[in-house]
Protein backbone atom coordinates (compact mmCIF):
# COMPACT_ATOMS: atom_id res chain seq x y z
CA MET A 1 0.00 0.00 0.00
CA LYS A 2 1.24 3.48 -0.85
CA THR A 3 0.26 6.39 1.36
CA SER A 4 0.97 9.81 -0.01
CA THR A 5 0.55 13.03 1.95
CA PRO A 6 0.47 16.04 -0.40
CA ALA A 7 2.81 19.00 0.03
CA PRO A 8 2.06 21.65 2.69
CA THR A 9 0.59 23.94 0.01
CA SER A 10 -2.19 21.42 -0.67
CA PRO A 11 -5.39 21.07 1.38
CA ARG A 12 -4.21 19.78 4.74
CA GLY A 13 -5.22 16.42 6.17
CA ASN A 14 -5.53 14.54 2.88
CA ILE A 15 -4.01 11.09 2.46
CA ALA A 16 -4.05 9.23 -0.83
CA ILE A 17 -4.01 5.45 -0.52
CA ASP A 18 -2.88 3.54 -3.60
CA SER A 19 -3.80 -0.15 -3.32
CA ALA A 20 -6.14 -2.52 -5.17
CA SER A 21 -8.61 0.34 -5.21
CA ARG A 22 -7.66 3.99 -4.86
CA SER A 23 -8.95 6.16 -2.05
CA ARG A 24 -8.57 9.59 -0.52
CA THR A 25 -9.09 9.94 3.20
CA ASP A 26 -8.74 12.57 5.88
CA ALA A 27 -6.05 12.36 8.56
CA SER A 28 -8.24 9.95 10.55
CA LEU A 29 -8.49 7.64 7.52
CA ARG A 30 -12.15 8.44 6.91
CA GLU A 31 -12.77 7.86 3.21
CA LEU A 32 -13.54 11.00 1.19
CA ALA A 33 -13.25 9.67 -2.36
CA THR A 34 -12.60 6.34 -4.04
CA THR A 35 -12.35 4.77 -7.48
CA ASP A 36 -11.98 1.22 -8.75
CA SER A 37 -9.07 2.22 -10.96
CA LEU A 38 -7.20 5.45 -11.57
CA ILE A 39 -6.41 4.39 -15.15
CA PRO A 40 -9.37 4.70 -17.57
CA PRO A 41 -10.16 1.58 -19.66
CA ALA A 42 -9.41 3.49 -22.88
CA ILE A 43 -5.86 4.15 -21.65
CA GLU A 44 -5.33 0.62 -20.34
CA HIS A 45 -6.62 -1.09 -23.47
CA GLY A 46 -5.48 1.50 -26.01
CA ILE A 47 -1.99 2.23 -24.67
CA GLY A 48 -1.33 -0.76 -22.42
CA PHE A 49 -0.74 1.10 -19.14
CA ASN A 50 -2.15 -1.03 -16.34
CA HIS A 51 0.14 -0.23 -13.43
CA ILE A 52 0.83 2.84 -11.28
CA GLY A 53 3.97 3.01 -9.19
CA ASP A 54 4.80 5.47 -6.41
CA PRO A 55 2.80 8.68 -7.15
CA THR A 56 3.55 12.22 -6.05
CA TYR A 57 1.71 15.49 -5.47
CA SER A 58 2.29 18.71 -7.39
CA ALA A 59 0.83 22.03 -6.27
CA ALA A 60 1.03 23.38 -9.84
CA ALA A 61 -2.17 24.10 -11.78
CA GLY A 62 -4.26 24.11 -8.64
CA GLY A 63 -2.97 20.79 -7.34
CA ARG A 64 -2.46 17.46 -9.13
CA LEU A 65 -1.65 13.86 -8.32
CA LEU A 66 1.09 12.76 -10.73
CA ALA A 67 1.07 9.01 -11.33
CA PRO A 68 3.98 7.11 -12.95
CA LEU A 69 2.62 4.73 -15.58
CA GLU A 70 3.94 1.43 -16.89
CA CYS A 71 2.79 -1.71 -18.66
CA TYR A 72 3.17 -4.78 -16.45
CA TYR A 73 1.92 -8.10 -17.78
CA PRO A 74 3.96 -10.90 -16.15
CA SER A 75 3.27 -14.07 -18.11
CA GLY A 76 6.55 -15.85 -17.53
CA LYS A 77 7.32 -15.50 -21.23
CA GLY A 78 9.26 -12.52 -22.48
CA ASP A 79 9.40 -9.00 -21.11
CA ALA A 80 6.56 -8.11 -18.73
CA ASN A 81 6.95 -4.50 -19.84
CA THR A 82 4.96 -5.02 -23.02
CA CYS A 83 4.83 -1.41 -24.26
CA ARG A 84 8.42 -0.43 -23.36
CA MET A 85 7.20 3.06 -22.57
CA GLY A 86 6.52 5.22 -19.54
CA GLY A 87 4.14 8.06 -18.89
CA ILE A 88 2.89 10.41 -16.20
CA GLY A 89 -0.83 10.42 -15.52
CA VAL A 90 -2.42 13.61 -14.20
CA ILE A 91 -5.23 12.98 -11.71
CA ASP A 92 -7.50 15.26 -9.70
CA PRO A 93 -6.30 14.85 -6.08
CA LYS A 94 -9.76 15.49 -4.61
CA THR A 95 -12.06 13.39 -6.81
CA LEU A 96 -9.39 10.93 -8.06
CA THR A 97 -10.64 11.40 -11.60
CA TRP A 98 -8.27 11.05 -14.57
CA LYS A 99 -7.39 14.24 -16.50
CA TYR A 100 -4.74 13.32 -19.10
CA TRP A 101 -1.31 11.77 -19.47
CA VAL A 102 2.08 12.85 -20.81
CA ARG A 103 4.34 10.48 -22.72
CA LEU A 104 8.00 10.07 -21.66
CA ASP A 105 10.51 9.46 -24.42
CA PRO A 106 11.39 5.72 -24.54
CA ALA A 107 14.92 6.71 -25.51
CA ASP A 108 15.31 7.99 -21.92
CA ILE A 109 13.15 5.62 -19.89
CA PRO A 110 11.41 2.29 -20.70
CA LYS A 111 8.88 2.55 -17.85
CA ALA A 112 8.06 4.89 -14.97
CA MET A 113 8.08 3.08 -11.62
CA TRP A 114 8.06 6.08 -9.26
CA ALA A 115 7.90 9.84 -9.29
CA GLU A 116 8.65 12.56 -6.77
CA VAL A 117 8.30 16.33 -7.11
CA SER A 118 11.21 18.38 -5.75
CA PRO A 119 10.63 20.64 -2.71
CA ASP A 120 10.58 23.74 -4.92
CA GLY A 121 7.89 22.14 -7.10
CA LYS A 122 9.85 22.63 -10.34
CA ARG A 123 11.17 19.14 -11.11
CA LEU A 124 9.77 15.65 -11.12
CA TRP A 125 12.37 12.98 -10.33
CA THR A 126 12.33 9.33 -11.36
CA SER A 127 14.90 6.75 -12.48
CA SER A 128 15.95 4.77 -15.52
CA GLY A 129 18.54 2.03 -15.20
CA ASP A 130 21.38 3.36 -13.04
CA ASP A 131 20.49 7.02 -13.54
CA LEU A 132 18.16 9.45 -11.82
CA LEU A 133 16.17 11.63 -14.23
CA ALA A 134 14.46 14.96 -13.65
CA TYR A 135 11.62 16.31 -15.80
CA SER A 136 10.28 19.83 -15.74
CA VAL A 137 6.93 19.93 -13.93
CA ALA A 138 5.96 22.71 -16.34
CA ASP A 139 6.23 20.20 -19.20
CA ILE A 140 3.56 18.03 -17.57
CA SER A 141 0.72 20.10 -18.95
CA THR A 142 -2.24 19.98 -21.31
CA ALA A 143 0.06 21.34 -24.02
CA HIS A 144 1.85 17.97 -23.93
CA ALA A 145 -1.20 15.79 -23.27
CA ALA A 146 -0.85 12.53 -25.22
CA SER A 147 -3.58 11.11 -27.41
CA SER A 148 -1.74 7.97 -28.52
CA ALA A 149 1.30 5.78 -27.94
CA THR A 150 3.16 7.78 -30.59
CA ALA A 151 2.45 11.24 -29.16
CA THR A 152 5.34 13.68 -28.95
CA PRO A 153 7.14 12.88 -25.67
CA ILE A 154 8.78 15.12 -23.10
CA ARG A 155 12.51 14.79 -22.31
CA PRO A 156 14.47 15.05 -19.04
CA VAL A 157 16.01 18.38 -18.08
CA ALA A 158 18.63 16.79 -15.80
CA ARG A 159 20.31 13.41 -15.32
CA LEU A 160 22.39 12.13 -12.40
CA LYS A 161 24.46 9.28 -13.80
CA ASN A 162 24.97 6.15 -11.69
CA ALA A 163 23.04 7.70 -8.78
CA VAL A 164 20.63 4.75 -8.34
CA PRO A 165 21.72 2.67 -5.31
CA PRO A 166 22.46 -1.09 -5.55
CA SER A 167 19.03 -1.88 -4.11
CA GLY A 168 17.33 -0.01 -6.95
CA VAL A 169 14.43 2.37 -6.46
CA THR A 170 10.73 1.62 -6.26
CA GLY A 171 9.68 4.46 -3.95
CA ALA A 172 11.00 7.92 -3.08
CA THR A 173 10.27 11.09 -1.19
CA PHE A 174 12.06 14.29 -0.22
CA TYR A 175 12.89 14.99 3.43
CA GLN A 176 14.87 17.98 4.69
CA GLY A 177 16.15 18.66 1.19
CA ARG A 178 17.43 15.12 0.57
CA LEU A 179 15.86 12.54 -1.72
CA LEU A 180 15.06 9.31 0.14
CA LEU A 181 15.14 6.19 -2.04
CA ALA A 182 13.68 2.82 -1.04
CA GLY A 183 14.63 -0.46 -2.69
CA GLU A 184 15.20 -4.15 -2.04
CA THR A 185 17.66 -6.72 -3.31
CA ASP A 186 18.50 -10.22 -2.07
CA GLY A 187 16.28 -9.85 0.98
CA LEU A 188 17.81 -6.55 2.07
CA LEU A 189 15.45 -3.58 2.19
CA GLN A 190 17.24 -0.24 2.39
CA ILE A 191 16.38 3.42 2.49
CA ARG A 192 19.18 5.65 1.20
CA SER A 193 19.31 9.38 0.77
CA LEU A 194 21.20 11.74 -1.48
CA SER A 195 21.37 15.38 -2.41
CA VAL A 196 20.21 15.97 -5.97
CA THR A 197 22.47 19.03 -6.04
CA GLY A 198 25.52 16.83 -5.42
CA LYS A 199 26.62 18.94 -2.46
CA GLN A 200 26.31 16.07 0.03
CA ALA A 201 27.38 12.44 -0.24
CA PRO A 202 24.78 9.63 -0.42
CA ARG A 203 24.18 7.73 2.81
CA VAL A 204 22.21 4.75 4.14
CA GLU A 205 19.34 5.91 6.38
CA ALA A 206 17.80 2.56 7.34
CA THR A 207 18.33 -1.14 6.68
CA PHE A 208 15.85 -3.98 7.13
CA PRO A 209 17.56 -7.37 6.60
CA GLY A 210 15.65 -10.55 5.83
CA LEU A 211 12.68 -8.68 4.38
CA GLN A 212 11.77 -9.59 0.84
CA ALA A 213 9.25 -7.00 -0.24
CA GLU A 214 8.85 -4.40 -2.93
CA PRO A 215 8.62 -1.03 -1.14
CA GLU A 216 6.50 0.53 -3.84
CA GLY A 217 5.96 3.83 -2.16
CA LEU A 218 7.78 5.98 0.38
CA ASP A 219 6.62 9.01 2.29
CA VAL A 220 7.26 11.11 5.37
CA ALA A 221 4.24 11.88 7.53
CA ASP A 222 3.30 12.79 11.08
CA ALA A 223 0.75 10.08 11.78
CA GLY A 224 -0.37 8.32 14.93
CA GLY A 225 2.19 10.12 17.11
């Protein structure tokens, strides 16, 4: 389950829960909105996107939930990433209704597994292979809304080469100016942090040995004391 608390500039007390169904609750986990699926059938069947990774909140354009999109069809035969393409879905954070999506250039990234908006709200970070990529939040707009799998894509505005830790990344969040990255490999779950400005060295923040789980989602919240 992914819990995502929007930035301080958003309506306070909202928690988005990303699980089998998608819900928005207040701080006491009282449900305010829900949907069976954030991805419309036309997008799932027409493009192939059927999976949302670790989403993030952007205060731009009145507030938006930005959802990383990928195709994930594990059949045991061939690549489960059937469309070899990633996208960012734009969703209303209050009603959880789909607005549009923006295509990411496959030359840069084959799928989008997580996304996190920087503290200043200007960049959206994700990863591809061993590199961290940053896209301009301003590029995630109706001007770049995709209508097909061949729509003109957006490109990264920054790349940090070889910045992905050995455990990989399936969830991320910013805390005190540092980007926290969660990942798991060989039964070792780790949370590492780094400065996207390169001014501070990466470091391990927490380690959970013997835990085989995909931490698809990471957040910082004041909850339950």
